[in-house]
Amino acid sequence: MDTTAATSLSGLWDQVFGTQPDPDTWVVLATAAAALAVVVPHRIWRLARNAITIAHEGGHGLVALLTGRTLTGIRLHSDTSGLTVSRGKPTGLGMILTAASGYTAPPLLGLGGAALLAAGHITALLWLATALLIVMLVMIRNAYGALTVVVTGGTFLAVSWLAGPQVQAAFAYAVVWFLLLGGVRPAFELQAKRRRGGAGDSDADQLSRLTNVPAAMWLFLFHAVSLCSLLGGGRWLLGL
């Protein structure tokens, strides 16, 4: 390998895995406000929820693989629902963890992202998110799902390659705030649907059948994970 190539690779390594300076406090607060403005209004949330669905179904798929199940495909739908199909034992710890990983994935991803940002690894966060989206794209089995993942991954890739440090920082903080705040709302939506007699085959109900633990307890777990992640991740992002 010649000296120029080695220098280029070294520079790329330092750029991706090195640390970047924290953005100004006003940027952190502005991105939090922007994420909140996306999560709260119903019409905007209906569109933005597609990103939460990507994280939700990605969580199912990743845990299925980690627990030894065979992941056969992921589908994302225009109504922001999704479906992850895996093969393996229909009961047992692997199936329980796979079912429990959907609603907990977005807030936990937000918490992990907040830890990276608190450590100054802004570029690494963007590249890691891009890599995960590329891997997920391989498992998508419908056109709408592929389009959603391509658009999301393309946005991350464009910001990673083309944007300056300040834009990258603002984008990364906005994404992490969105995962933390947006990770809270789905559990409340599921709770409301179940109260109206719907969502009988939800993750909470599947977990109830797998474990004989009431679905309400699994809903409590989803709430606890999302709210604790928001509290902890928010403190890291704000430097408290």
Protein backbone atom coordinates (compact mmCIF):
# COMPACT_ATOMS: atom_id res chain seq x y z
CA MET A 1 0.00 0.00 0.00
CA ASP A 2 1.50 3.35 -1.01
CA THR A 3 1.91 6.24 1.41
CA THR A 4 -0.92 8.29 -0.10
CA ALA A 5 -3.46 5.48 0.26
CA ALA A 6 -2.32 4.75 3.80
CA THR A 7 -2.66 8.41 4.70
CA SER A 8 -6.15 8.57 3.18
CA LEU A 9 -7.28 5.49 5.10
CA SER A 10 -5.80 6.86 8.29
CA GLY A 11 -7.58 10.16 7.74
CA LEU A 12 -10.89 8.39 7.07
CA TRP A 13 -10.45 6.28 10.21
CA ASP A 14 -9.76 9.37 12.29
CA GLN A 15 -12.75 11.16 10.78
CA VAL A 16 -15.18 8.33 11.50
CA PHE A 17 -13.93 7.05 14.84
CA GLY A 18 -12.40 10.21 16.23
CA THR A 19 -14.28 12.70 18.36
CA GLN A 20 -15.92 15.91 17.27
CA PRO A 21 -16.60 18.98 19.42
CA ASP A 22 -20.00 19.27 21.09
CA PRO A 23 -22.43 21.69 19.42
CA ASP A 24 -23.53 24.85 21.18
CA THR A 25 -26.22 24.49 23.82
CA TRP A 26 -28.74 26.34 21.67
CA VAL A 27 -28.30 23.69 18.94
CA VAL A 28 -29.03 20.91 21.43
CA LEU A 29 -32.15 22.72 22.65
CA ALA A 30 -33.29 23.65 19.15
CA THR A 31 -33.01 20.07 17.91
CA ALA A 32 -34.95 18.86 20.96
CA ALA A 33 -37.70 21.37 20.19
CA ALA A 34 -37.72 20.34 16.54
CA ALA A 35 -38.05 16.65 17.46
CA LEU A 36 -40.87 17.45 19.86
CA ALA A 37 -42.62 19.44 17.12
CA VAL A 38 -42.47 16.34 14.91
CA VAL A 39 -43.64 13.86 17.56
CA VAL A 40 -46.59 15.75 19.08
CA PRO A 41 -48.76 16.96 16.14
CA HIS A 42 -50.77 14.04 14.79
CA ARG A 43 -50.43 14.78 11.07
CA ILE A 44 -46.65 15.21 11.16
CA TRP A 45 -46.29 12.22 13.47
CA ARG A 46 -48.15 9.94 11.03
CA LEU A 47 -45.41 10.54 8.46
CA ALA A 48 -42.46 10.64 10.86
CA ARG A 49 -43.62 7.44 12.56
CA ASN A 50 -42.24 5.52 9.58
CA ALA A 51 -38.77 6.09 11.01
CA ILE A 52 -39.85 4.67 14.36
CA THR A 53 -41.30 1.65 12.55
CA ILE A 54 -37.92 1.07 10.88
CA ALA A 55 -36.29 0.99 14.32
CA HIS A 56 -39.12 -1.14 15.75
CA GLU A 57 -38.95 -3.83 13.05
CA GLY A 58 -35.16 -3.61 12.93
CA GLY A 59 -35.14 -4.37 16.65
CA HIS A 60 -37.24 -7.48 16.09
CA GLY A 61 -34.96 -8.60 13.26
CA LEU A 62 -31.68 -7.98 15.10
CA VAL A 63 -32.76 -9.79 18.26
CA ALA A 64 -34.15 -12.68 16.20
CA LEU A 65 -30.70 -13.13 14.64
CA LEU A 66 -28.87 -12.74 17.96
CA THR A 67 -31.04 -15.41 19.58
CA GLY A 68 -30.40 -17.92 16.82
CA ARG A 69 -33.64 -17.56 14.89
CA THR A 70 -33.70 -17.40 11.08
CA LEU A 71 -34.82 -14.01 9.82
CA THR A 72 -36.84 -14.46 6.64
CA GLY A 73 -37.99 -10.92 5.94
CA ILE A 74 -39.22 -7.52 7.08
CA ARG A 75 -42.15 -5.58 5.64
CA LEU A 76 -42.93 -1.90 6.26
CA HIS A 77 -46.38 -0.58 5.36
CA SER A 78 -47.68 2.86 4.45
CA ASP A 79 -49.94 2.95 7.54
CA THR A 80 -46.69 2.85 9.60
CA SER A 81 -47.28 -0.74 10.67
CA GLY A 82 -44.70 -3.43 10.01
CA LEU A 83 -44.08 -7.15 10.14
CA THR A 84 -40.92 -9.10 10.88
CA VAL A 85 -40.97 -12.83 10.12
CA SER A 86 -38.47 -15.26 11.59
CA ARG A 87 -38.28 -19.03 11.84
CA GLY A 88 -37.44 -21.02 14.94
CA LYS A 89 -39.04 -22.37 18.08
CA PRO A 90 -42.48 -20.76 18.52
CA THR A 91 -41.87 -20.53 22.27
CA GLY A 92 -38.91 -20.03 24.56
CA LEU A 93 -36.52 -17.24 25.47
CA GLY A 94 -35.53 -16.41 21.89
CA MET A 95 -39.12 -15.82 20.84
CA ILE A 96 -39.84 -13.80 23.98
CA LEU A 97 -36.83 -11.54 23.48
CA THR A 98 -37.68 -11.11 19.80
CA ALA A 99 -41.26 -10.09 20.59
CA ALA A 100 -40.14 -7.74 23.38
CA SER A 101 -37.55 -5.95 21.26
CA GLY A 102 -39.91 -3.99 18.99
CA TYR A 103 -41.30 -1.29 21.25
CA THR A 104 -38.07 -1.11 23.22
CA ALA A 105 -35.77 -0.74 20.20
CA PRO A 106 -36.35 2.95 19.28
CA PRO A 107 -35.80 4.36 22.80
CA LEU A 108 -32.82 2.06 23.43
CA LEU A 109 -31.30 3.10 20.09
CA GLY A 110 -31.86 6.69 21.17
CA LEU A 111 -30.13 5.99 24.47
CA GLY A 112 -27.17 4.41 22.70
CA GLY A 113 -27.03 7.33 20.31
CA ALA A 114 -27.07 9.78 23.21
CA ALA A 115 -24.12 7.93 24.76
CA LEU A 116 -22.16 8.23 21.49
CA LEU A 117 -22.96 11.93 21.16
CA ALA A 118 -22.03 12.58 24.78
CA ALA A 119 -18.66 10.98 24.01
CA GLY A 120 -18.23 13.20 20.94
CA HIS A 121 -18.64 10.45 18.33
CA ILE A 122 -20.98 12.32 16.02
CA THR A 123 -19.64 11.00 12.71
CA ALA A 124 -19.42 7.45 14.03
CA LEU A 125 -23.12 7.62 14.95
CA LEU A 126 -24.08 8.68 11.43
CA TRP A 127 -21.97 5.97 9.78
CA LEU A 128 -23.24 3.30 12.15
CA ALA A 129 -26.86 4.26 11.44
CA THR A 130 -26.15 4.13 7.69
CA ALA A 131 -24.58 0.68 8.00
CA LEU A 132 -27.53 -0.67 9.98
CA LEU A 133 -29.99 0.67 7.40
CA ILE A 134 -28.03 -0.95 4.56
CA VAL A 135 -28.09 -4.30 6.37
CA MET A 136 -31.81 -3.92 7.03
CA LEU A 137 -32.48 -3.13 3.37
CA VAL A 138 -31.29 -6.61 2.43
CA MET A 139 -34.11 -8.13 4.50
CA ILE A 140 -36.92 -5.86 3.27
CA ARG A 141 -39.54 -7.76 1.30
CA ASN A 142 -41.89 -5.08 -0.07
CA ALA A 143 -41.53 -2.03 -2.28
CA TYR A 144 -42.79 0.55 0.21
CA GLY A 145 -40.44 -0.77 2.87
CA ALA A 146 -37.49 -0.67 0.48
CA LEU A 147 -38.33 2.90 -0.54
CA THR A 148 -38.60 4.02 3.09
CA VAL A 149 -35.28 2.49 4.07
CA VAL A 150 -33.50 3.78 0.95
CA VAL A 151 -34.72 7.34 1.53
CA THR A 152 -33.75 7.21 5.22
CA GLY A 153 -30.38 5.62 4.54
CA GLY A 154 -29.71 8.02 1.68
CA THR A 155 -30.34 10.97 3.99
CA PHE A 156 -27.86 9.65 6.53
CA LEU A 157 -25.30 8.94 3.81
CA ALA A 158 -25.66 12.40 2.27
CA VAL A 159 -25.23 14.13 5.63
CA SER A 160 -22.24 11.91 6.49
CA TRP A 161 -20.43 12.60 3.22
CA LEU A 162 -21.48 16.07 2.16
CA ALA A 163 -22.41 18.12 5.23
CA GLY A 164 -20.05 20.10 7.39
CA PRO A 165 -19.40 19.36 11.07
CA GLN A 166 -22.06 21.76 12.37
CA VAL A 167 -24.78 20.34 10.11
CA GLN A 168 -23.75 16.79 11.00
CA ALA A 169 -23.95 17.60 14.69
CA ALA A 170 -27.38 19.23 14.39
CA PHE A 171 -28.70 16.31 12.31
CA ALA A 172 -27.31 13.69 14.71
CA TYR A 173 -28.79 15.41 17.75
CA ALA A 174 -32.16 15.82 16.02
CA VAL A 175 -32.23 12.10 15.13
CA VAL A 176 -31.37 10.99 18.65
CA TRP A 177 -33.90 13.36 20.23
CA PHE A 178 -36.50 12.00 17.79
CA LEU A 179 -35.75 8.39 18.77
CA LEU A 180 -35.96 9.25 22.46
CA LEU A 181 -39.15 11.31 22.21
CA GLY A 182 -40.73 9.27 19.42
CA GLY A 183 -39.96 6.07 21.31
CA VAL A 184 -42.37 7.13 24.06
CA ARG A 185 -45.51 7.68 21.99
CA PRO A 186 -46.07 4.18 20.43
CA ALA A 187 -46.59 2.47 23.79
CA PHE A 188 -49.29 5.01 24.68
CA GLU A 189 -50.89 4.50 21.26
CA LEU A 190 -50.90 0.74 21.82
CA GLN A 191 -52.41 1.20 25.25
CA ALA A 192 -55.19 3.34 23.78
CA LYS A 193 -55.91 0.78 21.04
CA ARG A 194 -56.13 -2.04 23.55
CA ARG A 195 -58.47 0.03 25.72
CA ARG A 196 -60.80 0.32 22.71
CA GLY A 197 -60.64 -3.45 22.17
CA GLY A 198 -58.19 -3.36 19.25
CA ALA A 199 -54.62 -4.57 18.67
CA GLY A 200 -55.43 -8.07 19.89
CA ASP A 201 -52.33 -9.48 18.23
CA SER A 202 -49.96 -6.76 19.42
CA ASP A 203 -46.47 -7.47 20.76
CA ALA A 204 -47.79 -7.14 24.32
CA ASP A 205 -50.53 -9.70 23.67
CA GLN A 206 -48.12 -12.09 21.97
CA LEU A 207 -45.79 -11.79 24.96
CA SER A 208 -48.70 -12.44 27.29
CA ARG A 209 -49.48 -15.68 25.48
CA LEU A 210 -45.81 -16.69 25.48
CA THR A 211 -45.19 -16.00 29.17
CA ASN A 212 -48.60 -16.06 30.89
CA VAL A 213 -47.75 -12.57 32.15
CA PRO A 214 -50.60 -10.08 31.61
CA ALA A 215 -50.25 -7.85 28.57
CA ALA A 216 -50.60 -4.83 30.87
CA MET A 217 -47.32 -5.77 32.54
CA TRP A 218 -45.56 -5.87 29.19
CA LEU A 219 -47.06 -2.48 28.38
CA PHE A 220 -45.65 -1.24 31.67
CA LEU A 221 -42.23 -2.53 30.59
CA PHE A 222 -42.49 -0.68 27.27
CA HIS A 223 -43.40 2.52 29.12
CA ALA A 224 -40.60 2.06 31.65
CA VAL A 225 -37.93 1.48 28.99
CA SER A 226 -39.01 4.43 26.84
CA LEU A 227 -39.38 6.92 29.70
CA CYS A 228 -36.15 5.87 31.43
CA SER A 229 -34.30 6.07 28.10
CA LEU A 230 -35.68 9.55 27.51
CA LEU A 231 -34.62 10.65 30.99
CA GLY A 232 -31.14 9.16 30.77
CA GLY A 233 -30.52 10.07 27.14
CA GLY A 234 -31.81 13.59 27.65
CA ARG A 235 -29.41 14.12 30.54
CA TRP A 236 -26.49 12.98 28.38
CA LEU A 237 -27.49 15.17 25.46
CA LEU A 238 -27.87 18.19 27.72
CA GLY A 239 -24.58 17.47 29.45
CA LEU A 240 -26.17 17.19 32.90
